[in-house]
Amino acid sequence: MGCDTSESSLTELRIAKAFVKLSAILEDEASVSLASIGNCEIRMFRGPEVDFGGVPLFWLELFDHSTKRSVDGFCCHSIKDAAAIFDDFISQAVRLSEPGGGGDEGLPDPSGSPIDGDNV
């Protein structure tokens, strides 16, 4: 996770923009996509209620579309905390997207659709 200051600031800005976008969505279970790497997606979503009495601002989730499962998740109380988690999720997604990385690359998609290798 050795980010330099400017890289860390860009990550924090990306997360802050996503949080503003998420805050503008009126639905209770809203989410915003932060990044897609291979079959993985990093998403931000808010919990049931947001207040500033210890409840997280939002949650980050690393989701694997090939297995249709959440790989990792973290509740974030600040944007600064979320930046380190985001960087970790990026690393996990890259590993999962590599051949033999633990995802289901190369296995047929149960829907019959070809597996798409999207990159960031």
C-alpha atoms as a PDB file:
ATOM      1  CA  MET A   1       0.000   0.000   0.000  1.00  0.00           C
ATOM      2  CA  GLY A   2       2.960   2.351  -0.378  1.00  0.00           C
ATOM      3  CA  CYS A   3       1.239   5.262  -2.109  1.00  0.00           C
ATOM      4  CA  ASP A   4       2.963   8.592  -2.432  1.00  0.00           C
ATOM      5  CA  THR A   5       1.141  11.719  -1.261  1.00  0.00           C
ATOM      6  CA  SER A   6      -0.189  12.778  -4.682  1.00  0.00           C
ATOM      7  CA  GLU A   7      -1.449   9.258  -5.459  1.00  0.00           C
ATOM      8  CA  SER A   8      -3.130   9.097  -2.054  1.00  0.00           C
ATOM      9  CA  SER A   9      -4.713  12.517  -2.624  1.00  0.00           C
ATOM     10  CA  LEU A  10      -6.087  11.387  -5.999  1.00  0.00           C
ATOM     11  CA  THR A  11      -7.583   8.290  -4.382  1.00  0.00           C
ATOM     12  CA  GLU A  12      -9.170  10.417  -1.642  1.00  0.00           C
ATOM     13  CA  LEU A  13     -10.582  12.782  -4.291  1.00  0.00           C
ATOM     14  CA  ARG A  14     -12.027   9.833  -6.241  1.00  0.00           C
ATOM     15  CA  ILE A  15     -13.682   8.515  -3.067  1.00  0.00           C
ATOM     16  CA  ALA A  16     -14.986  11.972  -2.099  1.00  0.00           C
ATOM     17  CA  LYS A  17     -16.565  12.408  -5.547  1.00  0.00           C
ATOM     18  CA  ALA A  18     -18.216   8.987  -5.256  1.00  0.00           C
ATOM     19  CA  PHE A  19     -19.500   9.871  -1.775  1.00  0.00           C
ATOM     20  CA  VAL A  20     -21.070  13.089  -3.092  1.00  0.00           C
ATOM     21  CA  LYS A  21     -22.695  11.098  -5.916  1.00  0.00           C
ATOM     22  CA  LEU A  22     -23.923   8.463  -3.435  1.00  0.00           C
ATOM     23  CA  SER A  23     -25.310  11.165  -1.136  1.00  0.00           C
ATOM     24  CA  ALA A  24     -27.388  12.584  -3.994  1.00  0.00           C
ATOM     25  CA  ILE A  25     -29.183   9.262  -4.563  1.00  0.00           C
ATOM     26  CA  LEU A  26     -32.448   9.164  -2.637  1.00  0.00           C
ATOM     27  CA  GLU A  27     -32.932   5.386  -2.586  1.00  0.00           C
ATOM     28  CA  ASP A  28     -32.149   3.635   0.708  1.00  0.00           C
ATOM     29  CA  GLU A  29     -29.885   0.951  -0.735  1.00  0.00           C
ATOM     30  CA  ALA A  30     -27.951   3.021  -3.254  1.00  0.00           C
ATOM     31  CA  SER A  31     -24.473   2.138  -4.473  1.00  0.00           C
ATOM     32  CA  VAL A  32     -21.813   3.713  -6.672  1.00  0.00           C
ATOM     33  CA  SER A  33     -19.099   1.892  -8.613  1.00  0.00           C
ATOM     34  CA  LEU A  34     -15.553   3.122  -7.957  1.00  0.00           C
ATOM     35  CA  ALA A  35     -13.562   0.773 -10.208  1.00  0.00           C
ATOM     36  CA  SER A  36     -13.763  -2.418 -12.274  1.00  0.00           C
ATOM     37  CA  ILE A  37     -10.811  -4.750 -12.674  1.00  0.00           C
ATOM     38  CA  GLY A  38     -11.349  -7.974 -14.576  1.00  0.00           C
ATOM     39  CA  ASN A  39     -14.438  -9.606 -13.081  1.00  0.00           C
ATOM     40  CA  CYS A  40     -14.166  -7.562  -9.886  1.00  0.00           C
ATOM     41  CA  GLU A  41     -15.856  -4.309  -8.983  1.00  0.00           C
ATOM     42  CA  ILE A  42     -15.194  -1.971  -6.067  1.00  0.00           C
ATOM     43  CA  ARG A  43     -18.452  -0.418  -4.890  1.00  0.00           C
ATOM     44  CA  MET A  44     -19.436   2.157  -2.311  1.00  0.00           C
ATOM     45  CA  PHE A  45     -22.784   1.946  -0.567  1.00  0.00           C
ATOM     46  CA  ARG A  46     -24.377   3.422   2.489  1.00  0.00           C
ATOM     47  CA  GLY A  47     -25.735   1.516   5.430  1.00  0.00           C
ATOM     48  CA  PRO A  48     -29.315   1.653   6.689  1.00  0.00           C
ATOM     49  CA  GLU A  49     -28.951   5.060   8.366  1.00  0.00           C
ATOM     50  CA  VAL A  50     -26.187   7.619   8.349  1.00  0.00           C
ATOM     51  CA  ASP A  51     -25.640   9.742  11.408  1.00  0.00           C
ATOM     52  CA  PHE A  52     -22.473  10.994  12.945  1.00  0.00           C
ATOM     53  CA  GLY A  53     -22.780   9.092  16.233  1.00  0.00           C
ATOM     54  CA  GLY A  54     -20.395   6.283  15.336  1.00  0.00           C
ATOM     55  CA  VAL A  55     -22.256   4.892  12.325  1.00  0.00           C
ATOM     56  CA  PRO A  56     -19.997   4.605   9.244  1.00  0.00           C
ATOM     57  CA  LEU A  57     -20.305   7.189   6.472  1.00  0.00           C
ATOM     58  CA  PHE A  58     -20.354   4.396   3.892  1.00  0.00           C
ATOM     59  CA  TRP A  59     -19.146   0.883   3.119  1.00  0.00           C
ATOM     60  CA  LEU A  60     -16.703  -0.294   0.471  1.00  0.00           C
ATOM     61  CA  GLU A  61     -17.137  -3.717  -1.089  1.00  0.00           C
ATOM     62  CA  LEU A  62     -14.994  -5.789  -3.420  1.00  0.00           C
ATOM     63  CA  PHE A  63     -17.421  -7.855  -5.488  1.00  0.00           C
ATOM     64  CA  ASP A  64     -16.468 -10.706  -7.833  1.00  0.00           C
ATOM     65  CA  HIS A  65     -18.980 -10.875 -10.694  1.00  0.00           C
ATOM     66  CA  SER A  66     -17.698 -14.283 -11.855  1.00  0.00           C
ATOM     67  CA  THR A  67     -18.653 -15.911  -8.544  1.00  0.00           C
ATOM     68  CA  LYS A  68     -21.459 -13.433  -7.756  1.00  0.00           C
ATOM     69  CA  ARG A  69     -20.010 -13.015  -4.251  1.00  0.00           C
ATOM     70  CA  SER A  70     -18.597 -10.293  -2.082  1.00  0.00           C
ATOM     71  CA  VAL A  71     -14.879 -10.923  -1.632  1.00  0.00           C
ATOM     72  CA  ASP A  72     -14.237  -8.264   1.015  1.00  0.00           C
ATOM     73  CA  GLY A  73     -15.949  -5.312   2.640  1.00  0.00           C
ATOM     74  CA  PHE A  74     -15.118  -2.528   5.048  1.00  0.00           C
ATOM     75  CA  CYS A  75     -17.104   0.130   6.910  1.00  0.00           C
ATOM     76  CA  CYS A  76     -15.551   3.554   6.471  1.00  0.00           C
ATOM     77  CA  HIS A  77     -15.803   6.358   8.998  1.00  0.00           C
ATOM     78  CA  SER A  78     -13.663   8.748   6.937  1.00  0.00           C
ATOM     79  CA  ILE A  79     -12.513   9.262   3.384  1.00  0.00           C
ATOM     80  CA  LYS A  80      -8.884   9.021   4.492  1.00  0.00           C
ATOM     81  CA  ASP A  81      -9.516   5.542   5.970  1.00  0.00           C
ATOM     82  CA  ALA A  82     -11.337   4.510   2.803  1.00  0.00           C
ATOM     83  CA  ALA A  83      -8.342   5.426   0.601  1.00  0.00           C
ATOM     84  CA  ALA A  84      -6.133   2.741   2.173  1.00  0.00           C
ATOM     85  CA  ILE A  85      -8.917   0.164   1.903  1.00  0.00           C
ATOM     86  CA  PHE A  86      -9.555   1.111  -1.739  1.00  0.00           C
ATOM     87  CA  ASP A  87      -5.866   0.565  -2.547  1.00  0.00           C
ATOM     88  CA  ASP A  88      -5.987  -2.838  -0.834  1.00  0.00           C
ATOM     89  CA  PHE A  89      -9.135  -3.792  -2.768  1.00  0.00           C
ATOM     90  CA  ILE A  90      -7.400  -2.796  -6.033  1.00  0.00           C
ATOM     91  CA  SER A  91      -4.514  -5.156  -5.169  1.00  0.00           C
ATOM     92  CA  GLN A  92      -6.931  -7.982  -4.330  1.00  0.00           C
ATOM     93  CA  ALA A  93      -8.873  -7.442  -7.571  1.00  0.00           C
ATOM     94  CA  VAL A  94      -5.681  -7.530  -9.636  1.00  0.00           C
ATOM     95  CA  ARG A  95      -4.643 -10.814  -7.976  1.00  0.00           C
ATOM     96  CA  LEU A  96      -8.108 -12.321  -8.508  1.00  0.00           C
ATOM     97  CA  SER A  97      -8.059 -11.282 -12.170  1.00  0.00           C
ATOM     98  CA  GLU A  98      -4.751 -13.033 -12.869  1.00  0.00           C
ATOM     99  CA  PRO A  99      -4.823 -16.592 -14.222  1.00  0.00           C
ATOM    100  CA  GLY A 100      -5.004 -18.927 -11.233  1.00  0.00           C
ATOM    101  CA  GLY A 101      -5.723 -15.956  -8.970  1.00  0.00           C
ATOM    102  CA  GLY A 102      -8.715 -17.517  -7.277  1.00  0.00           C
ATOM    103  CA  GLY A 103     -11.524 -16.224  -9.471  1.00  0.00           C
ATOM    104  CA  ASP A 104     -13.376 -18.385 -11.960  1.00  0.00           C
ATOM    105  CA  GLU A 105     -11.502 -17.162 -15.051  1.00  0.00           C
ATOM    106  CA  GLY A 106     -11.510 -19.736 -17.778  1.00  0.00           C
ATOM    107  CA  LEU A 107     -14.566 -21.532 -16.419  1.00  0.00           C
ATOM    108  CA  PRO A 108     -17.742 -21.198 -18.436  1.00  0.00           C
ATOM    109  CA  ASP A 109     -20.144 -18.517 -17.262  1.00  0.00           C
ATOM    110  CA  PRO A 110     -23.308 -20.212 -15.948  1.00  0.00           C
ATOM    111  CA  SER A 111     -25.416 -17.753 -17.973  1.00  0.00           C
ATOM    112  CA  GLY A 112     -23.758 -18.968 -21.169  1.00  0.00           C
ATOM    113  CA  SER A 113     -22.226 -15.553 -21.879  1.00  0.00           C
ATOM    114  CA  PRO A 114     -18.510 -15.346 -22.599  1.00  0.00           C
ATOM    115  CA  ILE A 115     -16.465 -14.031 -19.666  1.00  0.00           C
ATOM    116  CA  ASP A 116     -15.430 -10.458 -20.412  1.00  0.00           C
ATOM    117  CA  GLY A 117     -11.954  -9.322 -19.358  1.00  0.00           C
ATOM    118  CA  ASP A 118     -12.671  -5.631 -18.640  1.00  0.00           C
ATOM    119  CA  ASN A 119      -9.810  -3.580 -17.259  1.00  0.00           C
ATOM    120  CA  VAL A 120      -9.742  -0.413 -15.185  1.00  0.00           C
END
